[in-house]
């Protein structure tokens, strides 16, 4: 299981920033009166539906009498990858609402690791970098030194591998239960994991801004930052979660 977790992490942080912004824009277009806090709430609900629905579908399929153990295991691996990818998409979308675009892979990894671990992961980042918990999200993405990012990622990865191997391993066994029971375990487990990520994102970024930012703080490779005009709700493109769960990332 640790290899599955590590591979899922590496792939999850590759979603293009343009896809993230397009997804946030699509949520804003569908809800033109929504303020930033309401958009974040919509992103949370959508994310929880994705991870819960995936867990239940895989549980039902893996527990079907016609599905062998090898196929069931493959379905579980796919579910783990989808959970990590959707979690990365969600956390980066929340960052976008806060006016942050991060293209630096190590910093994306820090954000994903911290949010998947939940509030405890965010506290670990704050303690390691000696920064206020209120500003952990922005600080780790825009101002934390590259050396500190690497050290924090090493610590978080060790914790994550231990934690997620236990969590997903238990869910995998649950999905091999008789048909129906496996689906319930998958649905409940996926939702519980997702709620941990939502709590982690809330702890990392704090309350949403009062208004949508006019500029994005863009952090490129190596942590080099610049300001760019923030995309509005008219931005075109497919949604990030749909691209991850139905597109090339699943192949």
Protein backbone atom coordinates (compact mmCIF):
# COMPACT_ATOMS: atom_id res chain seq x y z
CA UNK A 1 0.00 0.00 0.00
CA UNK A 2 2.73 2.61 0.63
CA UNK A 3 3.79 2.38 -3.03
CA UNK A 4 0.19 3.01 -4.08
CA UNK A 5 0.03 6.07 -1.83
CA UNK A 6 3.31 7.48 -3.12
CA UNK A 7 2.39 6.93 -6.77
CA UNK A 8 -1.01 8.54 -6.24
CA UNK A 9 0.64 11.55 -4.62
CA UNK A 10 3.06 12.07 -7.50
CA UNK A 11 0.29 11.97 -10.08
CA UNK A 12 -2.20 14.05 -8.10
CA UNK A 13 -0.08 17.21 -8.05
CA UNK A 14 0.16 17.45 -11.86
CA UNK A 15 -3.31 18.89 -12.57
CA UNK A 16 -2.84 22.11 -14.65
CA UNK A 17 -3.57 25.42 -12.94
CA UNK A 18 -5.76 26.42 -15.89
CA UNK A 19 -8.05 23.49 -15.15
CA UNK A 20 -8.29 24.55 -11.51
CA UNK A 21 -9.24 28.14 -12.39
CA UNK A 22 -11.73 26.93 -15.00
CA UNK A 23 -13.43 24.78 -12.40
CA UNK A 24 -13.73 27.64 -9.92
CA UNK A 25 -15.05 29.84 -12.76
CA UNK A 26 -17.69 27.24 -13.65
CA UNK A 27 -18.89 27.16 -10.03
CA UNK A 28 -19.13 30.96 -10.03
CA UNK A 29 -21.04 30.99 -13.32
CA UNK A 30 -23.58 28.50 -11.99
CA UNK A 31 -23.94 30.57 -8.82
CA UNK A 32 -23.53 34.20 -9.91
CA UNK A 33 -24.65 35.64 -6.56
CA UNK A 34 -22.27 33.51 -4.49
CA UNK A 35 -19.54 35.25 -2.52
CA UNK A 36 -16.11 33.62 -1.91
CA UNK A 37 -17.23 31.85 1.28
CA UNK A 38 -20.24 30.39 -0.51
CA UNK A 39 -18.09 29.27 -3.45
CA UNK A 40 -15.74 27.47 -1.05
CA UNK A 41 -18.75 25.78 0.57
CA UNK A 42 -19.94 24.65 -2.86
CA UNK A 43 -16.47 23.29 -3.66
CA UNK A 44 -16.51 21.37 -0.37
CA UNK A 45 -19.89 19.78 -1.05
CA UNK A 46 -18.93 18.85 -4.59
CA UNK A 47 -15.64 17.31 -3.44
CA UNK A 48 -17.36 15.25 -0.74
CA UNK A 49 -19.86 13.92 -3.30
CA UNK A 50 -17.01 12.86 -5.59
CA UNK A 51 -14.96 11.00 -2.98
CA UNK A 52 -18.00 9.45 -1.29
CA UNK A 53 -19.59 8.37 -4.57
CA UNK A 54 -16.36 6.85 -5.84
CA UNK A 55 -15.91 4.87 -2.63
CA UNK A 56 -19.44 3.45 -2.81
CA UNK A 57 -19.21 2.57 -6.51
CA UNK A 58 -15.92 0.76 -6.05
CA UNK A 59 -17.28 -1.03 -2.99
CA UNK A 60 -20.29 -2.29 -4.92
CA UNK A 61 -18.24 -3.36 -7.94
CA UNK A 62 -15.50 -5.02 -5.92
CA UNK A 63 -18.01 -7.01 -3.87
CA UNK A 64 -20.01 -8.26 -6.88
CA UNK A 65 -19.89 -12.08 -7.20
CA UNK A 66 -18.55 -11.91 -10.78
CA UNK A 67 -15.55 -9.74 -9.82
CA UNK A 68 -12.40 -11.64 -8.86
CA UNK A 69 -9.97 -10.61 -6.13
CA UNK A 70 -7.43 -9.30 -8.66
CA UNK A 71 -9.99 -7.01 -10.31
CA UNK A 72 -11.27 -5.90 -6.91
CA UNK A 73 -7.74 -4.93 -5.87
CA UNK A 74 -7.27 -2.98 -9.10
CA UNK A 75 -10.51 -1.11 -8.43
CA UNK A 76 -9.29 -0.22 -4.95
CA UNK A 77 -5.99 1.10 -6.34
CA UNK A 78 -7.95 3.23 -8.82
CA UNK A 79 -10.09 4.56 -5.99
CA UNK A 80 -7.02 5.58 -3.97
CA UNK A 81 -5.64 7.43 -7.00
CA UNK A 82 -8.97 9.20 -7.55
CA UNK A 83 -9.17 10.23 -3.90
CA UNK A 84 -5.71 11.82 -4.00
CA UNK A 85 -6.32 13.51 -7.36
CA UNK A 86 -9.68 14.92 -6.31
CA UNK A 87 -8.15 16.10 -3.02
CA UNK A 88 -5.38 17.94 -4.87
CA UNK A 89 -7.92 19.54 -7.19
CA UNK A 90 -10.07 20.65 -4.27
CA UNK A 91 -7.25 22.13 -2.19
CA UNK A 92 -5.84 24.00 -5.20
CA UNK A 93 -9.33 25.32 -6.00
CA UNK A 94 -9.65 26.69 -2.47
CA UNK A 95 -6.23 28.31 -2.91
CA UNK A 96 -7.51 29.88 -6.14
CA UNK A 97 -10.46 31.46 -4.32
CA UNK A 98 -7.91 32.92 -1.89
CA UNK A 99 -5.96 34.44 -4.79
CA UNK A 100 -3.12 31.90 -4.91
CA UNK A 101 -1.91 29.86 -7.85
CA UNK A 102 0.94 27.47 -7.12
CA UNK A 103 2.76 25.77 -10.00
CA UNK A 104 5.73 24.64 -7.92
CA UNK A 105 5.38 20.87 -7.47
CA UNK A 106 7.02 20.63 -4.00
CA UNK A 107 4.69 23.34 -2.66
CA UNK A 108 1.68 21.64 -4.21
CA UNK A 109 2.83 18.46 -2.51
CA UNK A 110 3.03 20.25 0.85
CA UNK A 111 -0.53 21.52 0.44
CA UNK A 112 -1.88 18.10 -0.53
CA UNK A 113 -0.05 16.27 2.24
CA UNK A 114 -1.13 18.76 4.88
CA UNK A 115 -4.80 18.80 3.89
CA UNK A 116 -5.07 15.02 3.56
CA UNK A 117 -3.71 14.72 7.08
CA UNK A 118 -6.29 17.25 8.20
CA UNK A 119 -5.84 19.77 10.97
CA UNK A 120 -2.94 17.79 12.45
CA UNK A 121 -1.07 18.06 9.13
CA UNK A 122 -1.56 21.82 9.04
CA UNK A 123 -0.28 22.08 12.62
CA UNK A 124 2.79 20.05 11.65
CA UNK A 125 3.56 22.52 8.86
CA UNK A 126 3.13 25.48 11.19
CA UNK A 127 5.32 23.93 13.87
CA UNK A 128 8.05 22.95 11.41
CA UNK A 129 8.20 26.41 9.82
CA UNK A 130 7.38 28.35 13.01
CA UNK A 131 4.51 30.24 11.40
CA UNK A 132 1.08 31.16 12.69
CA UNK A 133 -1.58 28.52 12.08
CA UNK A 134 -3.89 31.28 10.79
CA UNK A 135 -1.59 31.92 7.82
CA UNK A 136 -0.17 28.46 7.15
CA UNK A 137 -1.77 28.01 3.72
CA UNK A 138 -0.57 31.25 2.18
CA UNK A 139 2.81 31.14 3.90
CA UNK A 140 3.67 27.60 2.85
CA UNK A 141 2.65 28.26 -0.75
CA UNK A 142 4.16 31.70 -1.25
CA UNK A 143 6.88 32.45 1.31
CA UNK A 144 8.26 29.28 2.85
CA UNK A 145 11.92 28.64 1.81
CA UNK A 146 12.46 25.76 -0.59
CA UNK A 147 14.68 23.96 1.90
CA UNK A 148 11.98 24.12 4.53
CA UNK A 149 9.42 22.85 2.02
CA UNK A 150 11.56 19.79 1.32
CA UNK A 151 12.05 19.05 5.02
CA UNK A 152 8.34 19.48 5.76
CA UNK A 153 7.39 17.21 2.84
CA UNK A 154 9.66 14.47 4.17
CA UNK A 155 8.01 14.63 7.58
CA UNK A 156 4.48 14.79 6.19
CA UNK A 157 5.09 11.96 3.73
CA UNK A 158 6.21 9.62 6.50
CA UNK A 159 3.13 10.43 8.52
CA UNK A 160 0.84 10.13 5.52
CA UNK A 161 2.16 6.77 4.39
CA UNK A 162 1.56 5.31 7.83
CA UNK A 163 -1.88 6.91 8.21
CA UNK A 164 -3.27 6.36 4.72
CA UNK A 165 -1.98 2.81 4.37
CA UNK A 166 -3.98 1.97 7.49
CA UNK A 167 -7.08 3.88 6.41
CA UNK A 168 -7.20 2.72 2.80
CA UNK A 169 -6.13 -0.79 3.72
CA UNK A 170 -9.09 -1.10 6.05
CA UNK A 171 -11.44 0.30 3.43
CA UNK A 172 -10.08 -2.12 0.83
CA UNK A 173 -10.92 -5.08 3.04
CA UNK A 174 -14.35 -3.60 3.68
CA UNK A 175 -15.07 -3.39 -0.02
CA UNK A 176 -14.53 -7.11 -0.35
CA UNK A 177 -17.42 -7.75 2.04
CA UNK A 178 -20.68 -9.20 0.62
CA UNK A 179 -22.41 -7.02 -1.98
CA UNK A 180 -24.19 -4.08 -0.37
CA UNK A 181 -22.13 -4.07 2.82
CA UNK A 182 -18.99 -3.28 0.81
CA UNK A 183 -20.77 -0.38 -0.88
CA UNK A 184 -21.85 1.10 2.46
CA UNK A 185 -18.33 0.80 3.87
CA UNK A 186 -16.88 2.39 0.75
CA UNK A 187 -19.35 5.28 0.81
CA UNK A 188 -18.95 5.97 4.53
CA UNK A 189 -15.17 5.62 4.44
CA UNK A 190 -14.78 7.89 1.41
CA UNK A 191 -16.92 10.58 3.01
CA UNK A 192 -14.95 10.37 6.27
CA UNK A 193 -11.63 10.74 4.44
CA UNK A 194 -13.02 13.66 2.49
CA UNK A 195 -14.17 15.45 5.62
CA UNK A 196 -10.63 15.24 6.98
CA UNK A 197 -9.38 16.98 3.83
CA UNK A 198 -12.06 19.68 4.08
CA UNK A 199 -11.08 20.31 7.70
CA UNK A 200 -7.43 20.51 6.65
CA UNK A 201 -8.18 23.07 3.94
CA UNK A 202 -10.19 25.19 6.37
CA UNK A 203 -7.35 25.09 8.89
CA UNK A 204 -4.75 25.94 6.24
CA UNK A 205 -6.51 28.91 4.63
CA UNK A 206 -8.89 30.17 7.27
CA UNK A 207 -12.03 32.14 6.32
CA UNK A 208 -12.54 32.97 2.65
CA UNK A 209 -11.79 36.57 1.58
CA UNK A 210 -14.63 39.06 1.64
CA UNK A 211 -14.43 39.52 -2.14
CA UNK A 212 -12.82 37.72 -5.05
CA UNK A 213 -9.23 38.95 -5.50
CA UNK A 214 -8.41 41.06 -8.54
CA UNK A 215 -4.89 39.60 -8.68
CA UNK A 216 -3.39 36.14 -8.30
CA UNK A 217 -0.18 35.52 -6.43
CA UNK A 218 1.40 33.00 -8.81
CA UNK A 219 4.20 30.83 -7.43
CA UNK A 220 6.28 29.17 -10.12
CA UNK A 221 8.99 26.50 -9.97
CA UNK A 222 11.55 27.18 -7.28
CA UNK A 223 9.12 29.36 -5.35
CA UNK A 224 9.50 32.41 -7.61
CA UNK A 225 6.37 34.52 -7.20
CA UNK A 226 4.67 37.09 -9.42
CA UNK A 227 1.31 38.82 -9.63
CA UNK A 228 -1.15 38.20 -12.44
CA UNK A 229 -4.68 39.32 -13.16
CA UNK A 230 -7.11 36.88 -11.58
CA UNK A 231 -9.43 35.01 -13.97
CA UNK A 232 -13.11 35.86 -13.67
CA UNK A 233 -16.18 33.64 -13.84
CA UNK A 234 -16.18 33.92 -17.64
CA UNK A 235 -13.05 31.73 -17.86
CA UNK A 236 -13.65 28.74 -20.12
CA UNK A 237 -12.69 25.12 -19.63
CA UNK A 238 -13.76 21.82 -18.15
CA UNK A 239 -13.98 21.20 -14.44
CA UNK A 240 -10.94 19.93 -12.60
CA UNK A 241 -12.71 17.12 -10.79
CA UNK A 242 -14.34 15.85 -13.97
CA UNK A 243 -11.03 15.92 -15.81
CA UNK A 244 -9.35 13.97 -13.03
CA UNK A 245 -12.03 11.34 -12.52
CA UNK A 246 -12.93 10.82 -16.18
CA UNK A 247 -9.92 12.01 -18.15
CA UNK A 248 -6.33 10.91 -18.80
CA UNK A 249 -5.38 10.80 -15.11
CA UNK A 250 -7.42 7.60 -14.77
CA UNK A 251 -5.57 5.79 -17.52
